Amino acid sequence: MRAGRTKTTSFSLDATTLQNLKALAARRHNGNVSAFLAEVALRESKFAAAEKYFEKYGVAPLTPEAIERVEAEWRNATVPKKKRRRVA
């Protein structure tokens, strides 16, 4: 993930956030926090590019409900559908 030359930086994090970051790095990069942060930064830059593209071509942002459905799909879960009222 971090092939080639790299630069060193630092972050100030509270203890809980640092603990969570290290746990995520352990799960995804054998504990390599730098590699995990590089992955997150790359993903965020792709999201920013996608947002710019959607804005340029007039694609509406996702609604909170749509985001919930997508996240549920990622987790292989289902989102309960809202009940529709019958119109009499």
PDB file of N, CA and C in Angstrom:
ATOM      1  N   MET A   1       0.815  -1.196   0.000  1.00  0.00           N
ATOM      2  CA  MET A   1       0.000   0.000   0.000  1.00  0.00           C
ATOM      3  C   MET A   1       0.856   1.256   0.000  1.00  0.00           C
ATOM      4  N   ARG A   2       2.008   1.217   0.666  1.00  0.00           N
ATOM      5  CA  ARG A   2       2.838   2.402   0.781  1.00  0.00           C
ATOM      6  C   ARG A   2       4.149   2.218   0.025  1.00  0.00           C
ATOM      7  N   ALA A   3       4.070   1.741  -1.184  1.00  0.00           N
ATOM      8  CA  ALA A   3       5.295   1.516  -1.949  1.00  0.00           C
ATOM      9  C   ALA A   3       5.985   2.842  -2.249  1.00  0.00           C
ATOM     10  N   GLY A   4       7.293   2.820  -2.257  1.00  0.00           N
ATOM     11  CA  GLY A   4       8.049   4.016  -2.610  1.00  0.00           C
ATOM     12  C   GLY A   4       8.300   4.915  -1.422  1.00  0.00           C
ATOM     13  N   ARG A   5       8.679   6.139  -1.719  1.00  0.00           N
ATOM     14  CA  ARG A   5       9.029   7.097  -0.676  1.00  0.00           C
ATOM     15  C   ARG A   5       7.778   7.601   0.024  1.00  0.00           C
ATOM     16  N   THR A   6       7.887   7.796   1.311  1.00  0.00           N
ATOM     17  CA  THR A   6       6.768   8.300   2.099  1.00  0.00           C
ATOM     18  C   THR A   6       7.219   9.484   2.933  1.00  0.00           C
ATOM     19  N   LYS A   7       6.271  10.225   3.451  1.00  0.00           N
ATOM     20  CA  LYS A   7       6.528  11.346   4.357  1.00  0.00           C
ATOM     21  C   LYS A   7       5.947  10.978   5.713  1.00  0.00           C
ATOM     22  N   THR A   8       6.561  11.472   6.751  1.00  0.00           N
ATOM     23  CA  THR A   8       6.090  11.216   8.104  1.00  0.00           C
ATOM     24  C   THR A   8       5.288  12.410   8.591  1.00  0.00           C
ATOM     25  N   THR A   9       4.194  12.129   9.274  1.00  0.00           N
ATOM     26  CA  THR A   9       3.372  13.176   9.872  1.00  0.00           C
ATOM     27  C   THR A   9       2.888  12.681  11.221  1.00  0.00           C
ATOM     28  N   SER A  10       2.188  13.522  11.943  1.00  0.00           N
ATOM     29  CA  SER A  10       1.657  13.077  13.230  1.00  0.00           C
ATOM     30  C   SER A  10       0.222  13.547  13.370  1.00  0.00           C
ATOM     31  N   PHE A  11      -0.516  12.869  14.239  1.00  0.00           N
ATOM     32  CA  PHE A  11      -1.909  13.194  14.527  1.00  0.00           C
ATOM     33  C   PHE A  11      -2.076  13.245  16.026  1.00  0.00           C
ATOM     34  N   SER A  12      -2.938  14.103  16.474  1.00  0.00           N
ATOM     35  CA  SER A  12      -3.307  14.142  17.887  1.00  0.00           C
ATOM     36  C   SER A  12      -4.692  13.523  18.005  1.00  0.00           C
ATOM     37  N   LEU A  13      -4.766  12.409  18.694  1.00  0.00           N
ATOM     38  CA  LEU A  13      -6.020  11.673  18.836  1.00  0.00           C
ATOM     39  C   LEU A  13      -6.282  11.376  20.295  1.00  0.00           C
ATOM     40  N   ASP A  14      -7.554  11.308  20.649  1.00  0.00           N
ATOM     41  CA  ASP A  14      -7.868  10.885  22.011  1.00  0.00           C
ATOM     42  C   ASP A  14      -7.604   9.385  22.115  1.00  0.00           C
ATOM     43  N   ALA A  15      -7.523   8.888  23.333  1.00  0.00           N
ATOM     44  CA  ALA A  15      -7.144   7.492  23.574  1.00  0.00           C
ATOM     45  C   ALA A  15      -8.103   6.504  22.921  1.00  0.00           C
ATOM     46  N   THR A  16      -9.391   6.782  22.976  1.00  0.00           N
ATOM     47  CA  THR A  16     -10.379   5.863  22.399  1.00  0.00           C
ATOM     48  C   THR A  16     -10.244   5.789  20.884  1.00  0.00           C
ATOM     49  N   THR A  17     -10.095   6.943  20.247  1.00  0.00           N
ATOM     50  CA  THR A  17      -9.946   6.963  18.790  1.00  0.00           C
ATOM     51  C   THR A  17      -8.684   6.221  18.369  1.00  0.00           C
ATOM     52  N   LEU A  18      -7.590   6.442  19.082  1.00  0.00           N
ATOM     53  CA  LEU A  18      -6.344   5.749  18.763  1.00  0.00           C
ATOM     54  C   LEU A  18      -6.495   4.243  18.934  1.00  0.00           C
ATOM     55  N   GLN A  19      -7.153   3.835  19.991  1.00  0.00           N
ATOM     56  CA  GLN A  19      -7.386   2.408  20.228  1.00  0.00           C
ATOM     57  C   GLN A  19      -8.211   1.805  19.082  1.00  0.00           C
ATOM     58  N   ASN A  20      -9.250   2.517  18.667  1.00  0.00           N
ATOM     59  CA  ASN A  20     -10.085   2.035  17.555  1.00  0.00           C
ATOM     60  C   ASN A  20      -9.294   1.988  16.253  1.00  0.00           C
ATOM     61  N   LEU A  21      -8.479   2.996  16.021  1.00  0.00           N
ATOM     62  CA  LEU A  21      -7.658   3.038  14.812  1.00  0.00           C
ATOM     63  C   LEU A  21      -6.699   1.858  14.764  1.00  0.00           C
ATOM     64  N   LYS A  22      -6.063   1.568  15.889  1.00  0.00           N
ATOM     65  CA  LYS A  22      -5.140   0.440  15.944  1.00  0.00           C
ATOM     66  C   LYS A  22      -5.871  -0.886  15.743  1.00  0.00           C
ATOM     67  N   ALA A  23      -7.077  -0.994  16.286  1.00  0.00           N
ATOM     68  CA  ALA A  23      -7.862  -2.220  16.112  1.00  0.00           C
ATOM     69  C   ALA A  23      -8.244  -2.415  14.649  1.00  0.00           C
ATOM     70  N   LEU A  24      -8.636  -1.335  13.985  1.00  0.00           N
ATOM     71  CA  LEU A  24      -8.968  -1.431  12.561  1.00  0.00           C
ATOM     72  C   LEU A  24      -7.736  -1.795  11.737  1.00  0.00           C
ATOM     73  N   ALA A  25      -6.610  -1.195  12.061  1.00  0.00           N
ATOM     74  CA  ALA A  25      -5.372  -1.510  11.348  1.00  0.00           C
ATOM     75  C   ALA A  25      -4.984  -2.972  11.556  1.00  0.00           C
ATOM     76  N   ALA A  26      -5.223  -3.483  12.754  1.00  0.00           N
ATOM     77  CA  ALA A  26      -4.914  -4.885  13.037  1.00  0.00           C
ATOM     78  C   ALA A  26      -5.754  -5.810  12.166  1.00  0.00           C
ATOM     79  N   ARG A  27      -6.989  -5.442  11.945  1.00  0.00           N
ATOM     80  CA  ARG A  27      -7.892  -6.277  11.145  1.00  0.00           C
ATOM     81  C   ARG A  27      -7.574  -6.219   9.659  1.00  0.00           C
ATOM     82  N   ARG A  28      -7.100  -5.059   9.183  1.00  0.00           N
ATOM     83  CA  ARG A  28      -6.952  -4.880   7.740  1.00  0.00           C
ATOM     84  C   ARG A  28      -5.522  -4.858   7.237  1.00  0.00           C
ATOM     85  N   HIS A  29      -4.571  -4.512   8.098  1.00  0.00           N
ATOM     86  CA  HIS A  29      -3.188  -4.346   7.629  1.00  0.00           C
ATOM     87  C   HIS A  29      -2.172  -4.903   8.611  1.00  0.00           C
ATOM     88  N   ASN A  30      -2.495  -5.986   9.256  1.00  0.00           N
ATOM     89  CA  ASN A  30      -1.588  -6.612  10.216  1.00  0.00           C
ATOM     90  C   ASN A  30      -1.030  -5.615  11.236  1.00  0.00           C
ATOM     91  N   GLY A  31      -1.862  -4.665  11.649  1.00  0.00           N
ATOM     92  CA  GLY A  31      -1.455  -3.695  12.659  1.00  0.00           C
ATOM     93  C   GLY A  31      -0.731  -2.478  12.127  1.00  0.00           C
ATOM     94  N   ASN A  32      -0.555  -2.368  10.828  1.00  0.00           N
ATOM     95  CA  ASN A  32       0.167  -1.243  10.248  1.00  0.00           C
ATOM     96  C   ASN A  32      -0.789  -0.049  10.123  1.00  0.00           C
ATOM     97  N   VAL A  33      -0.735   0.841  11.103  1.00  0.00           N
ATOM     98  CA  VAL A  33      -1.631   1.995  11.136  1.00  0.00           C
ATOM     99  C   VAL A  33      -1.383   2.907   9.934  1.00  0.00           C
ATOM    100  N   SER A  34      -0.141   3.087   9.537  1.00  0.00           N
ATOM    101  CA  SER A  34       0.170   3.946   8.385  1.00  0.00           C
ATOM    102  C   SER A  34      -0.475   3.414   7.114  1.00  0.00           C
ATOM    103  N   ALA A  35      -0.416   2.117   6.903  1.00  0.00           N
ATOM    104  CA  ALA A  35      -1.035   1.525   5.713  1.00  0.00           C
ATOM    105  C   ALA A  35      -2.548   1.689   5.761  1.00  0.00           C
ATOM    106  N   PHE A  36      -3.131   1.528   6.942  1.00  0.00           N
ATOM    107  CA  PHE A  36      -4.571   1.705   7.076  1.00  0.00           C
ATOM    108  C   PHE A  36      -4.968   3.146   6.768  1.00  0.00           C
ATOM    109  N   LEU A  37      -4.226   4.116   7.319  1.00  0.00           N
ATOM    110  CA  LEU A  37      -4.532   5.523   7.053  1.00  0.00           C
ATOM    111  C   LEU A  37      -4.344   5.868   5.571  1.00  0.00           C
ATOM    112  N   ALA A  38      -3.343   5.283   4.939  1.00  0.00           N
ATOM    113  CA  ALA A  38      -3.149   5.514   3.505  1.00  0.00           C
ATOM    114  C   ALA A  38      -4.344   4.994   2.708  1.00  0.00           C
ATOM    115  N   GLU A  39      -4.871   3.830   3.107  1.00  0.00           N
ATOM    116  CA  GLU A  39      -6.053   3.267   2.444  1.00  0.00           C
ATOM    117  C   GLU A  39      -7.254   4.195   2.612  1.00  0.00           C
ATOM    118  N   VAL A  40      -7.446   4.686   3.838  1.00  0.00           N
ATOM    119  CA  VAL A  40      -8.573   5.582   4.114  1.00  0.00           C
ATOM    120  C   VAL A  40      -8.439   6.871   3.299  1.00  0.00           C
ATOM    121  N   ALA A  41      -7.240   7.438   3.246  1.00  0.00           N
ATOM    122  CA  ALA A  41      -7.016   8.674   2.495  1.00  0.00           C
ATOM    123  C   ALA A  41      -7.285   8.474   1.007  1.00  0.00           C
ATOM    124  N   LEU A  42      -6.852   7.350   0.461  1.00  0.00           N
ATOM    125  CA  LEU A  42      -7.093   7.060  -0.949  1.00  0.00           C
ATOM    126  C   LEU A  42      -8.593   6.928  -1.223  1.00  0.00           C
ATOM    127  N   ARG A  43      -9.282   6.221  -0.336  1.00  0.00           N
ATOM    128  CA  ARG A  43     -10.732   6.037  -0.504  1.00  0.00           C
ATOM    129  C   ARG A  43     -11.453   7.380  -0.436  1.00  0.00           C
ATOM    130  N   GLU A  44     -11.062   8.233   0.498  1.00  0.00           N
ATOM    131  CA  GLU A  44     -11.698   9.545   0.634  1.00  0.00           C
ATOM    132  C   GLU A  44     -11.450  10.418  -0.598  1.00  0.00           C
ATOM    133  N   SER A  45     -10.258  10.329  -1.173  1.00  0.00           N
ATOM    134  CA  SER A  45      -9.988  11.128  -2.375  1.00  0.00           C
ATOM    135  C   SER A  45     -10.845  10.639  -3.541  1.00  0.00           C
ATOM    136  N   LYS A  46     -11.115   9.341  -3.599  1.00  0.00           N
ATOM    137  CA  LYS A  46     -12.005   8.808  -4.641  1.00  0.00           C
ATOM    138  C   LYS A  46     -13.442   9.275  -4.413  1.00  0.00           C
ATOM    139  N   PHE A  47     -13.871   9.316  -3.142  1.00  0.00           N
ATOM    140  CA  PHE A  47     -15.207   9.823  -2.834  1.00  0.00           C
ATOM    141  C   PHE A  47     -15.332  11.287  -3.241  1.00  0.00           C
ATOM    142  N   ALA A  48     -14.306  12.076  -2.959  1.00  0.00           N
ATOM    143  CA  ALA A  48     -14.325  13.494  -3.319  1.00  0.00           C
ATOM    144  C   ALA A  48     -14.418  13.666  -4.830  1.00  0.00           C
ATOM    145  N   ALA A  49     -13.688  12.847  -5.564  1.00  0.00           N
ATOM    146  CA  ALA A  49     -13.741  12.916  -7.030  1.00  0.00           C
ATOM    147  C   ALA A  49     -15.129  12.531  -7.535  1.00  0.00           C
ATOM    148  N   ALA A  50     -15.724  11.501  -6.936  1.00  0.00           N
ATOM    149  CA  ALA A  50     -17.072  11.077  -7.340  1.00  0.00           C
ATOM    150  C   ALA A  50     -18.088  12.175  -7.045  1.00  0.00           C
ATOM    151  N   GLU A  51     -17.975  12.812  -5.872  1.00  0.00           N
ATOM    152  CA  GLU A  51     -18.895  13.895  -5.533  1.00  0.00           C
ATOM    153  C   GLU A  51     -18.787  15.035  -6.538  1.00  0.00           C
ATOM    154  N   LYS A  52     -17.574  15.372  -6.933  1.00  0.00           N
ATOM    155  CA  LYS A  52     -17.354  16.438  -7.915  1.00  0.00           C
ATOM    156  C   LYS A  52     -17.976  16.062  -9.258  1.00  0.00           C
ATOM    157  N   TYR A  53     -17.811  14.809  -9.653  1.00  0.00           N
ATOM    158  CA  TYR A  53     -18.392  14.317 -10.908  1.00  0.00           C
ATOM    159  C   TYR A  53     -19.916  14.422 -10.861  1.00  0.00           C
ATOM    160  N   PHE A  54     -20.504  13.937  -9.760  1.00  0.00           N
ATOM    161  CA  PHE A  54     -21.963  13.978  -9.640  1.00  0.00           C
ATOM    162  C   PHE A  54     -22.472  15.421  -9.662  1.00  0.00           C
ATOM    163  N   GLU A  55     -21.756  16.304  -8.978  1.00  0.00           N
ATOM    164  CA  GLU A  55     -22.133  17.713  -8.963  1.00  0.00           C
ATOM    165  C   GLU A  55     -22.075  18.305 -10.363  1.00  0.00           C
ATOM    166  N   LYS A  56     -21.024  17.982 -11.091  1.00  0.00           N
ATOM    167  CA  LYS A  56     -20.833  18.513 -12.449  1.00  0.00           C
ATOM    168  C   LYS A  56     -21.963  18.086 -13.381  1.00  0.00           C
ATOM    169  N   TYR A  57     -22.438  16.851 -13.236  1.00  0.00           N
ATOM    170  CA  TYR A  57     -23.454  16.333 -14.139  1.00  0.00           C
ATOM    171  C   TYR A  57     -24.860  16.331 -13.533  1.00  0.00           C
ATOM    172  N   GLY A  58     -25.031  17.046 -12.431  1.00  0.00           N
ATOM    173  CA  GLY A  58     -26.360  17.254 -11.879  1.00  0.00           C
ATOM    174  C   GLY A  58     -26.994  16.046 -11.215  1.00  0.00           C
ATOM    175  N   VAL A  59     -26.175  15.122 -10.738  1.00  0.00           N
ATOM    176  CA  VAL A  59     -26.711  13.958 -10.033  1.00  0.00           C
ATOM    177  C   VAL A  59     -26.988  14.380  -8.592  1.00  0.00           C
ATOM    178  N   ALA A  60     -28.210  14.154  -8.139  1.00  0.00           N
ATOM    179  CA  ALA A  60     -28.591  14.561  -6.785  1.00  0.00           C
ATOM    180  C   ALA A  60     -27.835  13.741  -5.745  1.00  0.00           C
ATOM    181  N   PRO A  61     -27.503  14.355  -4.607  1.00  0.00           N
ATOM    182  CA  PRO A  61     -26.848  13.601  -3.543  1.00  0.00           C
ATOM    183  C   PRO A  61     -27.770  12.513  -3.007  1.00  0.00           C
ATOM    184  N   LEU A  62     -27.177  11.487  -2.432  1.00  0.00           N
ATOM    185  CA  LEU A  62     -27.978  10.415  -1.852  1.00  0.00           C
ATOM    186  C   LEU A  62     -28.739  10.928  -0.638  1.00  0.00           C
ATOM    187  N   THR A  63     -29.939  10.448  -0.472  1.00  0.00           N
ATOM    188  CA  THR A  63     -30.723  10.779   0.708  1.00  0.00           C
ATOM    189  C   THR A  63     -30.224   9.919   1.866  1.00  0.00           C
ATOM    190  N   PRO A  64     -30.523  10.310   3.089  1.00  0.00           N
ATOM    191  CA  PRO A  64     -30.140   9.459   4.224  1.00  0.00           C
ATOM    192  C   PRO A  64     -30.726   8.046   4.107  1.00  0.00           C
ATOM    193  N   GLU A  65     -31.922   7.935   3.577  1.00  0.00           N
ATOM    194  CA  GLU A  65     -32.548   6.614   3.407  1.00  0.00           C
ATOM    195  C   GLU A  65     -31.777   5.778   2.387  1.00  0.00           C
ATOM    196  N   ALA A  66     -31.343   6.406   1.299  1.00  0.00           N
ATOM    197  CA  ALA A  66     -30.578   5.684   0.280  1.00  0.00           C
ATOM    198  C   ALA A  66     -29.233   5.234   0.842  1.00  0.00           C
ATOM    199  N   ILE A  67     -28.596   6.087   1.623  1.00  0.00           N
ATOM    200  CA  ILE A  67     -27.325   5.726   2.241  1.00  0.00           C
ATOM    201  C   ILE A  67     -27.522   4.540   3.180  1.00  0.00           C
ATOM    202  N   GLU A  68     -28.606   4.556   3.942  1.00  0.00           N
ATOM    203  CA  GLU A  68     -28.896   3.451   4.852  1.00  0.00           C
ATOM    204  C   GLU A  68     -29.068   2.141   4.083  1.00  0.00           C
ATOM    205  N   ARG A  69     -29.746   2.193   2.939  1.00  0.00           N
ATOM    206  CA  ARG A  69     -29.930   0.985   2.125  1.00  0.00           C
ATOM    207  C   ARG A  69     -28.599   0.470   1.581  1.00  0.00           C
ATOM    208  N   VAL A  70     -27.751   1.382   1.121  1.00  0.00           N
ATOM    209  CA  VAL A  70     -26.442   0.982   0.587  1.00  0.00           C
ATOM    210  C   VAL A  70     -25.589   0.366   1.690  1.00  0.00           C
ATOM    211  N   GLU A  71     -25.555   1.019   2.852  1.00  0.00           N
ATOM    212  CA  GLU A  71     -24.759   0.488   3.963  1.00  0.00           C
ATOM    213  C   GLU A  71     -25.276  -0.876   4.402  1.00  0.00           C
ATOM    214  N   ALA A  72     -26.581  -1.056   4.405  1.00  0.00           N
ATOM    215  CA  ALA A  72     -27.157  -2.356   4.768  1.00  0.00           C
ATOM    216  C   ALA A  72     -26.741  -3.410   3.755  1.00  0.00           C
ATOM    217  N   GLU A  73     -26.695  -3.036   2.486  1.00  0.00           N
ATOM    218  CA  GLU A  73     -26.264  -3.971   1.447  1.00  0.00           C
ATOM    219  C   GLU A  73     -24.814  -4.373   1.659  1.00  0.00           C
ATOM    220  N   TRP A  74     -23.963  -3.424   2.047  1.00  0.00           N
ATOM    221  CA  TRP A  74     -22.559  -3.730   2.315  1.00  0.00           C
ATOM    222  C   TRP A  74     -22.433  -4.734   3.446  1.00  0.00           C
ATOM    223  N   ARG A  75     -23.305  -4.596   4.439  1.00  0.00           N
ATOM    224  CA  ARG A  75     -23.267  -5.491   5.593  1.00  0.00           C
ATOM    225  C   ARG A  75     -24.035  -6.782   5.350  1.00  0.00           C
ATOM    226  N   ASN A  76     -24.599  -6.942   4.166  1.00  0.00           N
ATOM    227  CA  ASN A  76     -25.460  -8.083   3.846  1.00  0.00           C
ATOM    228  C   ASN A  76     -26.653  -8.150   4.788  1.00  0.00           C
ATOM    229  N   ALA A  77     -27.154  -7.007   5.154  1.00  0.00           N
ATOM    230  CA  ALA A  77     -28.333  -6.924   6.017  1.00  0.00           C
ATOM    231  C   ALA A  77     -29.494  -6.378   5.191  1.00  0.00           C
ATOM    232  N   THR A  78     -30.646  -6.378   5.775  1.00  0.00           N
ATOM    233  CA  THR A  78     -31.788  -5.788   5.086  1.00  0.00           C
ATOM    234  C   THR A  78     -32.312  -4.623   5.908  1.00  0.00           C
ATOM    235  N   VAL A  79     -32.818  -3.640   5.217  1.00  0.00           N
ATOM    236  CA  VAL A  79     -33.413  -2.486   5.874  1.00  0.00           C
ATOM    237  C   VAL A  79     -34.919  -2.658   5.798  1.00  0.00           C
ATOM    238  N   PRO A  80     -35.602  -2.590   6.934  1.00  0.00           N
ATOM    239  CA  PRO A  80     -37.050  -2.746   6.877  1.00  0.00           C
ATOM    240  C   PRO A  80     -37.675  -1.641   6.037  1.00  0.00           C
ATOM    241  N   LYS A  81     -38.571  -2.040   5.162  1.00  0.00           N
ATOM    242  CA  LYS A  81     -39.245  -1.054   4.319  1.00  0.00           C
ATOM    243  C   LYS A  81     -40.285  -0.329   5.142  1.00  0.00           C
ATOM    244  N   LYS A  82     -40.451   0.947   4.799  1.00  0.00           N
ATOM    245  CA  LYS A  82     -41.462   1.727   5.494  1.00  0.00           C
ATOM    246  C   LYS A  82     -42.841   1.244   5.065  1.00  0.00           C
ATOM    247  N   LYS A  83     -43.731   1.168   6.022  1.00  0.00           N
ATOM    248  CA  LYS A  83     -45.094   0.748   5.711  1.00  0.00           C
ATOM    249  C   LYS A  83     -45.815   1.884   5.030  1.00  0.00           C
ATOM    250  N   ARG A  84     -46.499   1.545   3.965  1.00  0.00           N
ATOM    251  CA  ARG A  84     -47.276   2.539   3.248  1.00  0.00           C
ATOM    252  C   ARG A  84     -48.706   2.531   3.754  1.00  0.00           C
ATOM    253  N   ARG A  85     -49.241   3.706   3.880  1.00  0.00           N
ATOM    254  CA  ARG A  85     -50.633   3.795   4.299  1.00  0.00           C
ATOM    255  C   ARG A  85     -51.524   3.660   3.085  1.00  0.00           C
ATOM    256  N   ARG A  86     -52.574   2.934   3.272  1.00  0.00           N
ATOM    257  CA  ARG A  86     -53.558   2.821   2.192  1.00  0.00           C
ATOM    258  C   ARG A  86     -54.398   4.073   2.149  1.00  0.00           C
ATOM    259  N   VAL A  87     -54.634   4.521   0.968  1.00  0.00           N
ATOM    260  CA  VAL A  87     -55.504   5.687   0.774  1.00  0.00           C
ATOM    261  C   VAL A  87     -56.892   5.157   0.475  1.00  0.00           C
ATOM    262  N   ALA A  88     -57.844   5.538   1.283  1.00  0.00           N
ATOM    263  CA  ALA A  88     -59.208   5.040   1.112  1.00  0.00           C
ATOM    264  C   ALA A  88     -60.018   5.930   0.233  1.00  0.00           C
TER     265      ALA A  88
END
